[in-house]
Amino acid sequence: MPITTLFLDLGGVLLTNGWDRHARQTAAETFALDRREMDERHHLTFDTYESGKLTLEQYLNRVIFYEPRTFSREDFRDFMFSQSREFPEMIALIRKLKERYGLKIAVVNNEGRELNQHRINAFRLGEFVDFFISSCIVHVRKPDQDIYRIALEIAHVPPEQVAYLDDRLMFVQVAEGLGIRGLHHTGYAATVEKLAGLGLAVSPD
């Protein structure tokens, strides 16, 4: 069956990760934080934030502002948001594929609400993404297979017509368990080749 729909991860595919260990390391250095304590608190509560059960303010209360700081919440939030960068080649590729093949485009990602909304707006993802199935909205996180079931229901397509692009191999394999055609994203050139193998080729610029 031809591919009619692309499911995409956000961090690691279209954008850098929003709040990963590298960003936290930079935060610890910038704000003179105890990295080990910060990481322990982060790992204990971040899944809850990404599942939409905590606000960013509540997350920061638990991880950063559980004791007095010399910097403001606004300064720290701005720093968090500033860590995101786009991958221009990947965004251009998805735009071209959508235009050429009339594809439905859906982002399926794990992300907290405030970070997710900032990244959608800052990089104008709504211009070419039709649906955002984010963990903070549906209250289910990858690798729970239910997030892919929800995405299929929202897109209203059979799994055989969906290609799913993610930089985490395990998440790709979980989606494949539902009959979705998975593509492990390891870089722009390799992904272009894999998509072409599914009949989704784009002409070089």
N, C-alpha and C. Protein backbone atom coordinates (compact mmCIF):
# COMPACT_ATOMS: atom_id res chain seq x y z
N MET A 1 0.85 -1.19 0.00
CA MET A 1 0.00 0.00 0.00
C MET A 1 0.88 1.24 0.00
N PRO A 2 0.48 2.27 -0.72
CA PRO A 2 1.30 3.50 -0.75
C PRO A 2 1.27 4.21 0.59
N ILE A 3 2.34 4.93 0.90
CA ILE A 3 2.41 5.72 2.11
C ILE A 3 1.60 7.01 1.92
N THR A 4 0.66 7.23 2.81
CA THR A 4 -0.15 8.45 2.75
C THR A 4 0.11 9.39 3.91
N THR A 5 0.82 8.86 4.95
CA THR A 5 0.97 9.60 6.20
C THR A 5 2.36 9.39 6.77
N LEU A 6 2.96 10.46 7.26
CA LEU A 6 4.24 10.38 7.96
C LEU A 6 4.03 10.72 9.43
N PHE A 7 4.47 9.82 10.30
CA PHE A 7 4.58 10.12 11.72
C PHE A 7 6.04 10.47 12.00
N LEU A 8 6.28 11.56 12.70
CA LEU A 8 7.63 12.03 12.95
C LEU A 8 7.85 12.26 14.44
N ASP A 9 9.04 11.88 14.91
CA ASP A 9 9.47 12.37 16.20
C ASP A 9 9.87 13.83 16.02
N LEU A 10 9.96 14.55 17.13
CA LEU A 10 10.34 15.96 17.06
C LEU A 10 11.83 16.12 17.42
N GLY A 11 12.18 15.88 18.67
CA GLY A 11 13.56 15.98 19.08
C GLY A 11 14.42 14.90 18.45
N GLY A 12 15.49 15.30 17.78
CA GLY A 12 16.37 14.35 17.11
C GLY A 12 16.03 14.14 15.65
N VAL A 13 14.89 14.65 15.20
CA VAL A 13 14.49 14.51 13.79
C VAL A 13 14.30 15.89 13.15
N LEU A 14 13.32 16.65 13.61
CA LEU A 14 13.10 17.99 13.08
C LEU A 14 13.86 19.05 13.86
N LEU A 15 13.99 18.83 15.16
CA LEU A 15 14.67 19.77 16.05
C LEU A 15 15.64 19.01 16.94
N THR A 16 16.52 19.76 17.59
CA THR A 16 17.32 19.15 18.65
C THR A 16 16.40 18.77 19.80
N ASN A 17 16.90 17.96 20.71
CA ASN A 17 16.10 17.62 21.88
C ASN A 17 15.85 18.88 22.71
N GLY A 18 14.68 18.94 23.31
CA GLY A 18 14.29 20.15 24.02
C GLY A 18 14.99 20.33 25.36
N TRP A 19 15.16 19.25 26.12
CA TRP A 19 15.72 19.37 27.47
C TRP A 19 16.41 18.07 27.82
N ASP A 20 17.52 17.79 27.12
CA ASP A 20 18.23 16.54 27.31
C ASP A 20 19.41 16.71 28.24
N ARG A 21 20.20 15.67 28.39
CA ARG A 21 21.32 15.71 29.36
C ARG A 21 22.35 16.77 28.99
N HIS A 22 22.53 17.02 27.69
CA HIS A 22 23.49 18.04 27.29
C HIS A 22 23.00 19.43 27.70
N ALA A 23 21.71 19.69 27.50
CA ALA A 23 21.14 20.98 27.91
C ALA A 23 21.21 21.13 29.43
N ARG A 24 20.96 20.04 30.15
CA ARG A 24 21.02 20.11 31.62
C ARG A 24 22.45 20.33 32.11
N GLN A 25 23.41 19.74 31.41
CA GLN A 25 24.80 19.96 31.76
C GLN A 25 25.16 21.43 31.58
N THR A 26 24.73 22.01 30.46
CA THR A 26 24.99 23.43 30.21
C THR A 26 24.29 24.29 31.25
N ALA A 27 23.08 23.91 31.63
CA ALA A 27 22.35 24.65 32.66
C ALA A 27 23.08 24.60 33.99
N ALA A 28 23.58 23.42 34.34
CA ALA A 28 24.31 23.28 35.61
C ALA A 28 25.54 24.18 35.63
N GLU A 29 26.23 24.27 34.51
CA GLU A 29 27.42 25.11 34.42
C GLU A 29 27.04 26.59 34.43
N THR A 30 25.99 26.93 33.70
CA THR A 30 25.58 28.34 33.58
C THR A 30 25.07 28.90 34.89
N PHE A 31 24.29 28.09 35.62
CA PHE A 31 23.64 28.57 36.84
C PHE A 31 24.30 28.03 38.13
N ALA A 32 25.47 27.40 37.97
CA ALA A 32 26.22 26.88 39.13
C ALA A 32 25.36 25.95 39.99
N LEU A 33 24.78 24.94 39.34
CA LEU A 33 23.93 23.98 40.03
C LEU A 33 24.68 22.68 40.28
N ASP A 34 24.25 21.95 41.29
CA ASP A 34 24.79 20.62 41.55
C ASP A 34 24.19 19.67 40.50
N ARG A 35 25.02 19.24 39.55
CA ARG A 35 24.52 18.44 38.43
C ARG A 35 23.93 17.11 38.90
N ARG A 36 24.56 16.46 39.83
CA ARG A 36 24.05 15.17 40.29
C ARG A 36 22.69 15.30 40.96
N GLU A 37 22.54 16.28 41.80
CA GLU A 37 21.26 16.50 42.47
C GLU A 37 20.18 16.89 41.46
N MET A 38 20.56 17.75 40.52
CA MET A 38 19.61 18.18 39.49
C MET A 38 19.15 16.98 38.65
N ASP A 39 20.08 16.13 38.24
CA ASP A 39 19.72 14.98 37.41
C ASP A 39 18.86 13.98 38.17
N GLU A 40 19.18 13.77 39.44
CA GLU A 40 18.36 12.84 40.22
C GLU A 40 16.93 13.33 40.34
N ARG A 41 16.77 14.59 40.66
CA ARG A 41 15.43 15.16 40.77
C ARG A 41 14.72 15.16 39.41
N HIS A 42 15.47 15.46 38.35
CA HIS A 42 14.90 15.45 37.00
C HIS A 42 14.35 14.06 36.67
N HIS A 43 15.15 13.04 36.86
CA HIS A 43 14.72 11.69 36.47
C HIS A 43 13.55 11.20 37.31
N LEU A 44 13.43 11.67 38.53
CA LEU A 44 12.32 11.26 39.38
C LEU A 44 10.99 11.88 38.97
N THR A 45 11.03 13.00 38.25
CA THR A 45 9.78 13.73 38.00
C THR A 45 9.51 14.05 36.54
N PHE A 46 10.50 13.90 35.63
CA PHE A 46 10.32 14.38 34.27
C PHE A 46 9.25 13.59 33.51
N ASP A 47 9.16 12.29 33.75
CA ASP A 47 8.12 11.51 33.08
C ASP A 47 6.73 12.06 33.40
N THR A 48 6.55 12.49 34.63
CA THR A 48 5.26 13.05 35.04
C THR A 48 4.99 14.35 34.32
N TYR A 49 6.02 15.18 34.15
CA TYR A 49 5.86 16.43 33.40
C TYR A 49 5.54 16.14 31.94
N GLU A 50 6.26 15.22 31.33
CA GLU A 50 6.01 14.91 29.91
C GLU A 50 4.63 14.29 29.70
N SER A 51 4.10 13.66 30.73
CA SER A 51 2.77 13.05 30.61
C SER A 51 1.65 14.06 30.81
N GLY A 52 2.00 15.33 31.00
CA GLY A 52 1.00 16.37 31.14
C GLY A 52 0.37 16.44 32.50
N LYS A 53 1.01 15.85 33.51
CA LYS A 53 0.45 15.84 34.86
C LYS A 53 1.09 16.88 35.77
N LEU A 54 2.09 17.59 35.25
CA LEU A 54 2.72 18.70 35.95
C LEU A 54 2.87 19.87 34.99
N THR A 55 2.79 21.07 35.51
CA THR A 55 3.14 22.24 34.70
C THR A 55 4.65 22.42 34.76
N LEU A 56 5.17 23.27 33.89
CA LEU A 56 6.59 23.57 33.93
C LEU A 56 6.98 24.19 35.26
N GLU A 57 6.10 25.04 35.81
CA GLU A 57 6.39 25.66 37.10
C GLU A 57 6.52 24.61 38.19
N GLN A 58 5.66 23.61 38.16
CA GLN A 58 5.73 22.54 39.17
C GLN A 58 7.00 21.71 38.99
N TYR A 59 7.34 21.43 37.74
CA TYR A 59 8.60 20.72 37.47
C TYR A 59 9.78 21.50 38.02
N LEU A 60 9.83 22.80 37.74
CA LEU A 60 10.94 23.62 38.21
C LEU A 60 10.96 23.72 39.73
N ASN A 61 9.79 23.74 40.34
CA ASN A 61 9.74 23.73 41.82
C ASN A 61 10.45 22.51 42.38
N ARG A 62 10.27 21.38 41.74
CA ARG A 62 10.83 20.14 42.26
C ARG A 62 12.31 19.97 41.91
N VAL A 63 12.72 20.47 40.75
CA VAL A 63 14.06 20.18 40.25
C VAL A 63 15.06 21.30 40.50
N ILE A 64 14.59 22.56 40.45
CA ILE A 64 15.51 23.70 40.55
C ILE A 64 15.21 24.58 41.77
N PHE A 65 13.97 24.97 41.93
CA PHE A 65 13.62 25.99 42.94
C PHE A 65 13.07 25.38 44.23
N TYR A 66 13.63 24.25 44.62
CA TYR A 66 13.29 23.66 45.91
C TYR A 66 14.08 24.32 47.04
N GLU A 67 15.00 25.22 46.67
CA GLU A 67 15.74 26.02 47.63
C GLU A 67 16.00 27.38 46.99
N PRO A 68 16.35 28.40 47.76
CA PRO A 68 16.56 29.74 47.18
C PRO A 68 17.68 29.73 46.14
N ARG A 69 17.47 30.53 45.09
CA ARG A 69 18.47 30.64 44.03
C ARG A 69 18.82 32.11 43.81
N THR A 70 19.96 32.32 43.17
CA THR A 70 20.40 33.69 42.88
C THR A 70 19.89 34.17 41.54
N PHE A 71 19.16 33.32 40.83
CA PHE A 71 18.61 33.66 39.51
C PHE A 71 17.09 33.49 39.55
N SER A 72 16.43 34.07 38.58
CA SER A 72 14.96 34.06 38.57
C SER A 72 14.42 32.87 37.78
N ARG A 73 13.16 32.57 38.02
CA ARG A 73 12.47 31.54 37.24
C ARG A 73 12.43 31.92 35.76
N GLU A 74 12.19 33.19 35.50
CA GLU A 74 12.12 33.64 34.11
C GLU A 74 13.45 33.41 33.40
N ASP A 75 14.56 33.70 34.09
CA ASP A 75 15.87 33.48 33.49
C ASP A 75 16.08 32.00 33.16
N PHE A 76 15.65 31.13 34.06
CA PHE A 76 15.87 29.70 33.84
C PHE A 76 14.94 29.18 32.74
N ARG A 77 13.70 29.61 32.73
CA ARG A 77 12.78 29.20 31.65
C ARG A 77 13.30 29.65 30.30
N ASP A 78 13.77 30.90 30.22
CA ASP A 78 14.30 31.41 28.95
C ASP A 78 15.49 30.59 28.49
N PHE A 79 16.32 30.19 29.45
CA PHE A 79 17.46 29.35 29.10
C PHE A 79 16.99 28.01 28.54
N MET A 80 16.03 27.39 29.20
CA MET A 80 15.51 26.10 28.71
C MET A 80 15.01 26.22 27.28
N PHE A 81 14.21 27.24 27.03
CA PHE A 81 13.64 27.41 25.70
C PHE A 81 14.72 27.70 24.65
N SER A 82 15.79 28.36 25.05
CA SER A 82 16.83 28.74 24.10
C SER A 82 17.69 27.58 23.63
N GLN A 83 17.55 26.42 24.27
CA GLN A 83 18.38 25.27 23.89
C GLN A 83 17.93 24.60 22.60
N SER A 84 16.72 24.88 22.14
CA SER A 84 16.19 24.21 20.95
C SER A 84 16.75 24.82 19.68
N ARG A 85 17.12 23.96 18.73
CA ARG A 85 17.57 24.37 17.41
C ARG A 85 16.84 23.51 16.37
N GLU A 86 16.69 24.06 15.19
CA GLU A 86 16.05 23.29 14.12
C GLU A 86 17.10 22.59 13.27
N PHE A 87 16.67 21.55 12.57
CA PHE A 87 17.46 20.90 11.53
C PHE A 87 16.86 21.33 10.19
N PRO A 88 17.38 22.39 9.58
CA PRO A 88 16.74 22.98 8.39
C PRO A 88 16.55 21.99 7.25
N GLU A 89 17.53 21.10 7.02
CA GLU A 89 17.41 20.15 5.92
C GLU A 89 16.23 19.21 6.14
N MET A 90 16.03 18.78 7.36
CA MET A 90 14.94 17.85 7.64
C MET A 90 13.58 18.54 7.51
N ILE A 91 13.49 19.74 8.00
CA ILE A 91 12.23 20.48 7.87
C ILE A 91 11.91 20.73 6.41
N ALA A 92 12.92 21.11 5.63
CA ALA A 92 12.71 21.34 4.19
C ALA A 92 12.29 20.04 3.50
N LEU A 93 12.89 18.91 3.90
CA LEU A 93 12.54 17.63 3.30
C LEU A 93 11.08 17.28 3.55
N ILE A 94 10.63 17.43 4.78
CA ILE A 94 9.24 17.08 5.10
C ILE A 94 8.27 18.01 4.38
N ARG A 95 8.61 19.28 4.30
CA ARG A 95 7.77 20.22 3.54
C ARG A 95 7.65 19.79 2.08
N LYS A 96 8.76 19.39 1.47
CA LYS A 96 8.74 18.97 0.07
C LYS A 96 7.91 17.71 -0.13
N LEU A 97 8.08 16.76 0.78
CA LEU A 97 7.32 15.51 0.66
C LEU A 97 5.82 15.76 0.81
N LYS A 98 5.46 16.62 1.72
CA LYS A 98 4.05 16.94 1.90
C LYS A 98 3.47 17.57 0.64
N GLU A 99 4.23 18.52 0.08
CA GLU A 99 3.76 19.22 -1.12
C GLU A 99 3.67 18.28 -2.32
N ARG A 100 4.68 17.43 -2.48
CA ARG A 100 4.72 16.58 -3.67
C ARG A 100 3.72 15.44 -3.62
N TYR A 101 3.53 14.84 -2.43
CA TYR A 101 2.71 13.63 -2.34
C TYR A 101 1.40 13.85 -1.59
N GLY A 102 1.15 15.06 -1.12
CA GLY A 102 -0.08 15.32 -0.39
C GLY A 102 -0.20 14.53 0.90
N LEU A 103 0.92 14.32 1.57
CA LEU A 103 0.94 13.49 2.77
C LEU A 103 0.29 14.19 3.96
N LYS A 104 -0.29 13.39 4.84
CA LYS A 104 -0.62 13.87 6.18
C LYS A 104 0.65 13.78 7.01
N ILE A 105 0.91 14.81 7.80
CA ILE A 105 2.10 14.84 8.64
C ILE A 105 1.66 14.95 10.10
N ALA A 106 2.17 14.02 10.91
CA ALA A 106 1.84 14.04 12.34
C ALA A 106 3.12 13.91 13.16
N VAL A 107 3.26 14.75 14.16
CA VAL A 107 4.35 14.63 15.12
C VAL A 107 3.86 13.76 16.27
N VAL A 108 4.64 12.74 16.60
CA VAL A 108 4.34 11.86 17.74
C VAL A 108 5.54 11.95 18.68
N ASN A 109 5.38 12.64 19.78
CA ASN A 109 6.57 12.91 20.61
C ASN A 109 6.26 12.94 22.10
N ASN A 110 7.32 12.76 22.87
CA ASN A 110 7.28 12.91 24.32
C ASN A 110 7.80 14.31 24.65
N GLU A 111 6.95 15.14 25.24
CA GLU A 111 7.40 16.49 25.58
C GLU A 111 6.41 17.13 26.55
N GLY A 112 6.94 17.94 27.45
CA GLY A 112 6.09 18.71 28.35
C GLY A 112 5.39 19.83 27.60
N ARG A 113 4.25 20.26 28.13
CA ARG A 113 3.37 21.17 27.41
C ARG A 113 4.05 22.49 27.03
N GLU A 114 4.69 23.14 27.98
CA GLU A 114 5.24 24.47 27.70
C GLU A 114 6.39 24.41 26.70
N LEU A 115 7.26 23.41 26.86
CA LEU A 115 8.34 23.24 25.90
C LEU A 115 7.80 22.90 24.52
N ASN A 116 6.82 22.02 24.50
CA ASN A 116 6.21 21.60 23.24
C ASN A 116 5.59 22.79 22.51
N GLN A 117 4.82 23.60 23.22
CA GLN A 117 4.17 24.74 22.60
C GLN A 117 5.19 25.76 22.11
N HIS A 118 6.22 25.99 22.90
CA HIS A 118 7.27 26.92 22.48
C HIS A 118 7.92 26.45 21.18
N ARG A 119 8.24 25.18 21.08
CA ARG A 119 8.95 24.67 19.91
C ARG A 119 8.05 24.67 18.67
N ILE A 120 6.78 24.35 18.85
CA ILE A 120 5.84 24.40 17.73
C ILE A 120 5.75 25.83 17.18
N ASN A 121 5.64 26.79 18.08
CA ASN A 121 5.49 28.19 17.65
C ASN A 121 6.79 28.77 17.12
N ALA A 122 7.89 28.54 17.82
CA ALA A 122 9.17 29.16 17.46
C ALA A 122 9.65 28.71 16.09
N PHE A 123 9.37 27.46 15.73
CA PHE A 123 9.86 26.93 14.46
C PHE A 123 8.75 26.74 13.44
N ARG A 124 7.58 27.32 13.72
CA ARG A 124 6.45 27.37 12.79
C ARG A 124 6.10 25.98 12.24
N LEU A 125 6.08 25.02 13.14
CA LEU A 125 5.82 23.65 12.71
C LEU A 125 4.37 23.46 12.26
N GLY A 126 3.48 24.27 12.77
CA GLY A 126 2.08 24.17 12.37
C GLY A 126 1.84 24.49 10.91
N GLU A 127 2.83 25.05 10.23
CA GLU A 127 2.66 25.35 8.81
C GLU A 127 2.64 24.09 7.96
N PHE A 128 3.23 23.00 8.45
CA PHE A 128 3.25 21.78 7.63
C PHE A 128 2.86 20.52 8.40
N VAL A 129 2.73 20.61 9.72
CA VAL A 129 2.30 19.46 10.52
C VAL A 129 0.80 19.55 10.71
N ASP A 130 0.10 18.46 10.41
CA ASP A 130 -1.36 18.44 10.52
C ASP A 130 -1.85 18.10 11.92
N PHE A 131 -1.11 17.23 12.63
CA PHE A 131 -1.52 16.80 13.96
C PHE A 131 -0.30 16.73 14.87
N PHE A 132 -0.50 17.09 16.14
CA PHE A 132 0.54 16.93 17.16
C PHE A 132 0.00 15.96 18.22
N ILE A 133 0.54 14.76 18.22
CA ILE A 133 0.16 13.77 19.21
C ILE A 133 1.28 13.75 20.24
N SER A 134 1.21 14.69 21.17
CA SER A 134 2.27 14.88 22.15
C SER A 134 1.87 14.24 23.48
N SER A 135 2.84 13.69 24.17
CA SER A 135 2.56 12.99 25.42
C SER A 135 1.85 13.88 26.44
N CYS A 136 2.18 15.16 26.42
CA CYS A 136 1.56 16.07 27.40
C CYS A 136 0.07 16.27 27.14
N ILE A 137 -0.37 15.99 25.92
CA ILE A 137 -1.78 16.16 25.55
C ILE A 137 -2.55 14.85 25.74
N VAL A 138 -1.96 13.74 25.27
CA VAL A 138 -2.69 12.46 25.31
C VAL A 138 -2.40 11.67 26.58
N HIS A 139 -1.45 12.15 27.41
CA HIS A 139 -1.12 11.53 28.70
C HIS A 139 -0.59 10.11 28.57
N VAL A 140 0.04 9.84 27.43
CA VAL A 140 0.70 8.55 27.18
C VAL A 140 2.05 8.87 26.56
N ARG A 141 3.09 8.17 27.01
CA ARG A 141 4.43 8.43 26.52
C ARG A 141 4.96 7.24 25.73
N LYS A 142 5.75 7.53 24.70
CA LYS A 142 6.51 6.47 24.07
C LYS A 142 7.48 5.90 25.11
N PRO A 143 7.68 4.60 25.15
CA PRO A 143 7.32 3.59 24.14
C PRO A 143 5.97 2.90 24.33
N ASP A 144 5.06 3.46 25.10
CA ASP A 144 3.73 2.87 25.22
C ASP A 144 3.08 2.83 23.84
N GLN A 145 2.69 1.64 23.43
CA GLN A 145 2.13 1.47 22.09
C GLN A 145 0.83 2.26 21.89
N ASP A 146 0.18 2.60 22.98
CA ASP A 146 -1.09 3.32 22.86
C ASP A 146 -0.93 4.69 22.20
N ILE A 147 0.23 5.33 22.32
CA ILE A 147 0.39 6.64 21.70
C ILE A 147 0.34 6.52 20.18
N TYR A 148 0.82 5.40 19.65
CA TYR A 148 0.75 5.18 18.21
C TYR A 148 -0.68 4.81 17.79
N ARG A 149 -1.37 4.09 18.65
CA ARG A 149 -2.78 3.78 18.34
C ARG A 149 -3.60 5.07 18.28
N ILE A 150 -3.36 5.96 19.22
CA ILE A 150 -4.06 7.25 19.22
C ILE A 150 -3.73 8.02 17.95
N ALA A 151 -2.47 8.03 17.56
CA ALA A 151 -2.06 8.74 16.34
C ALA A 151 -2.76 8.16 15.11
N LEU A 152 -2.87 6.85 15.05
CA LEU A 152 -3.56 6.22 13.92
C LEU A 152 -5.04 6.60 13.89
N GLU A 153 -5.66 6.65 15.05
CA GLU A 153 -7.07 7.00 15.11
C GLU A 153 -7.30 8.46 14.70
N ILE A 154 -6.41 9.34 15.16
CA ILE A 154 -6.56 10.76 14.81
C ILE A 154 -6.31 10.98 13.32
N ALA A 155 -5.28 10.32 12.79
CA ALA A 155 -4.98 10.47 11.36
C ALA A 155 -5.97 9.71 10.49
N HIS A 156 -6.67 8.74 11.07
CA HIS A 156 -7.70 7.94 10.38
C HIS A 156 -7.10 7.25 9.15
N VAL A 157 -6.01 6.53 9.40
CA VAL A 157 -5.36 5.77 8.33
C VAL A 157 -4.97 4.39 8.87
N PRO A 158 -4.91 3.39 7.99
CA PRO A 158 -4.42 2.08 8.42
C PRO A 158 -2.91 2.13 8.62
N PRO A 159 -2.37 1.33 9.52
CA PRO A 159 -0.94 1.39 9.81
C PRO A 159 -0.06 1.12 8.59
N GLU A 160 -0.55 0.33 7.65
CA GLU A 160 0.25 0.00 6.47
C GLU A 160 0.52 1.21 5.58
N GLN A 161 -0.26 2.27 5.77
CA GLN A 161 -0.06 3.48 4.96
C GLN A 161 0.77 4.53 5.69
N VAL A 162 1.35 4.16 6.82
CA VAL A 162 2.10 5.10 7.65
C VAL A 162 3.58 4.73 7.68
N ALA A 163 4.43 5.73 7.50
CA ALA A 163 5.87 5.59 7.76
C ALA A 163 6.19 6.43 8.98
N TYR A 164 6.98 5.86 9.88
CA TYR A 164 7.29 6.54 11.14
C TYR A 164 8.80 6.74 11.26
N LEU A 165 9.19 7.99 11.46
CA LEU A 165 10.60 8.38 11.51
C LEU A 165 10.97 8.80 12.92
N ASP A 166 11.94 8.09 13.51
CA ASP A 166 12.37 8.39 14.88
C ASP A 166 13.85 8.08 15.00
N ASP A 167 14.56 8.86 15.82
CA ASP A 167 16.00 8.61 16.00
C ASP A 167 16.25 7.54 17.06
N ARG A 168 15.23 7.08 17.75
CA ARG A 168 15.39 6.02 18.75
C ARG A 168 14.86 4.71 18.18
N LEU A 169 15.77 3.78 18.02
CA LEU A 169 15.42 2.52 17.36
C LEU A 169 14.31 1.77 18.09
N MET A 170 14.34 1.76 19.41
CA MET A 170 13.31 1.02 20.14
C MET A 170 11.92 1.57 19.85
N PHE A 171 11.79 2.89 19.75
CA PHE A 171 10.48 3.47 19.46
C PHE A 171 10.01 3.07 18.07
N VAL A 172 10.95 3.02 17.12
CA VAL A 172 10.62 2.56 15.77
C VAL A 172 10.10 1.12 15.82
N GLN A 173 10.78 0.27 16.58
CA GLN A 173 10.39 -1.13 16.66
C GLN A 173 9.03 -1.32 17.32
N VAL A 174 8.73 -0.49 18.33
CA VAL A 174 7.43 -0.55 18.98
C VAL A 174 6.32 -0.21 17.98
N ALA A 175 6.54 0.85 17.19
CA ALA A 175 5.55 1.24 16.17
C ALA A 175 5.39 0.15 15.12
N GLU A 176 6.48 -0.49 14.76
CA GLU A 176 6.41 -1.57 13.76
C GLU A 176 5.54 -2.73 14.25
N GLY A 177 5.46 -2.89 15.57
CA GLY A 177 4.61 -3.94 16.13
C GLY A 177 3.14 -3.75 15.81
N LEU A 178 2.77 -2.54 15.41
CA LEU A 178 1.38 -2.26 15.01
C LEU A 178 1.19 -2.32 13.50
N GLY A 179 2.26 -2.63 12.76
CA GLY A 179 2.16 -2.68 11.31
C GLY A 179 2.59 -1.41 10.61
N ILE A 180 3.04 -0.41 11.39
CA ILE A 180 3.57 0.84 10.83
C ILE A 180 4.94 0.55 10.24
N ARG A 181 5.25 1.21 9.13
CA ARG A 181 6.56 1.02 8.52
C ARG A 181 7.56 1.98 9.17
N GLY A 182 8.47 1.43 9.93
CA GLY A 182 9.38 2.24 10.72
C GLY A 182 10.67 2.57 9.99
N LEU A 183 11.17 3.78 10.22
CA LEU A 183 12.44 4.23 9.66
C LEU A 183 13.29 4.79 10.80
N HIS A 184 14.43 4.17 11.04
CA HIS A 184 15.33 4.65 12.07
C HIS A 184 16.15 5.81 11.50
N HIS A 185 15.94 7.00 12.04
CA HIS A 185 16.62 8.19 11.54
C HIS A 185 18.01 8.29 12.14
N THR A 186 19.03 8.17 11.29
CA THR A 186 20.42 8.30 11.73
C THR A 186 21.12 9.49 11.07
N GLY A 187 20.44 10.15 10.16
CA GLY A 187 21.02 11.30 9.47
C GLY A 187 20.21 11.63 8.23
N TYR A 188 20.40 12.84 7.74
CA TYR A 188 19.59 13.34 6.62
C TYR A 188 19.72 12.45 5.38
N ALA A 189 20.94 12.19 4.93
CA ALA A 189 21.15 11.45 3.68
C ALA A 189 20.56 10.05 3.76
N ALA A 190 20.79 9.36 4.87
CA ALA A 190 20.27 8.01 5.02
C ALA A 190 18.75 8.00 5.03
N THR A 191 18.15 9.01 5.65
CA THR A 191 16.69 9.08 5.70
C THR A 191 16.10 9.37 4.32
N VAL A 192 16.73 10.25 3.57
CA VAL A 192 16.28 10.51 2.19
C VAL A 192 16.25 9.21 1.40
N GLU A 193 17.28 8.40 1.55
CA GLU A 193 17.37 7.13 0.83
C GLU A 193 16.29 6.16 1.29
N LYS A 194 16.07 6.08 2.60
CA LYS A 194 15.04 5.17 3.13
C LYS A 194 13.65 5.59 2.67
N LEU A 195 13.37 6.88 2.68
CA LEU A 195 12.06 7.35 2.23
C LEU A 195 11.86 7.07 0.73
N ALA A 196 12.91 7.26 -0.05
CA ALA A 196 12.82 6.97 -1.48
C ALA A 196 12.50 5.49 -1.70
N GLY A 197 13.02 4.62 -0.84
CA GLY A 197 12.73 3.21 -0.93
C GLY A 197 11.27 2.88 -0.68
N LEU A 198 10.56 3.80 -0.03
CA LEU A 198 9.12 3.63 0.19
C LEU A 198 8.29 4.39 -0.85
N GLY A 199 8.97 4.90 -1.87
CA GLY A 199 8.26 5.63 -2.92
C GLY A 199 8.09 7.09 -2.65
N LEU A 200 8.82 7.62 -1.68
CA LEU A 200 8.72 9.04 -1.31
C LEU A 200 10.05 9.72 -1.62
N ALA A 201 10.27 9.96 -2.90
CA ALA A 201 11.51 10.57 -3.34
C ALA A 201 11.31 12.05 -3.61
N VAL A 202 12.35 12.83 -3.35
CA VAL A 202 12.31 14.26 -3.67
C VAL A 202 13.47 14.59 -4.58
N SER A 203 13.28 15.56 -5.45
CA SER A 203 14.34 15.97 -6.36
C SER A 203 15.35 16.81 -5.60
N PRO A 204 16.65 16.64 -5.87
CA PRO A 204 17.65 17.49 -5.20
C PRO A 204 17.49 18.94 -5.62
N ASP A 205 17.87 19.85 -4.72
CA ASP A 205 17.80 21.29 -5.03
C ASP A 205 18.81 21.63 -6.11
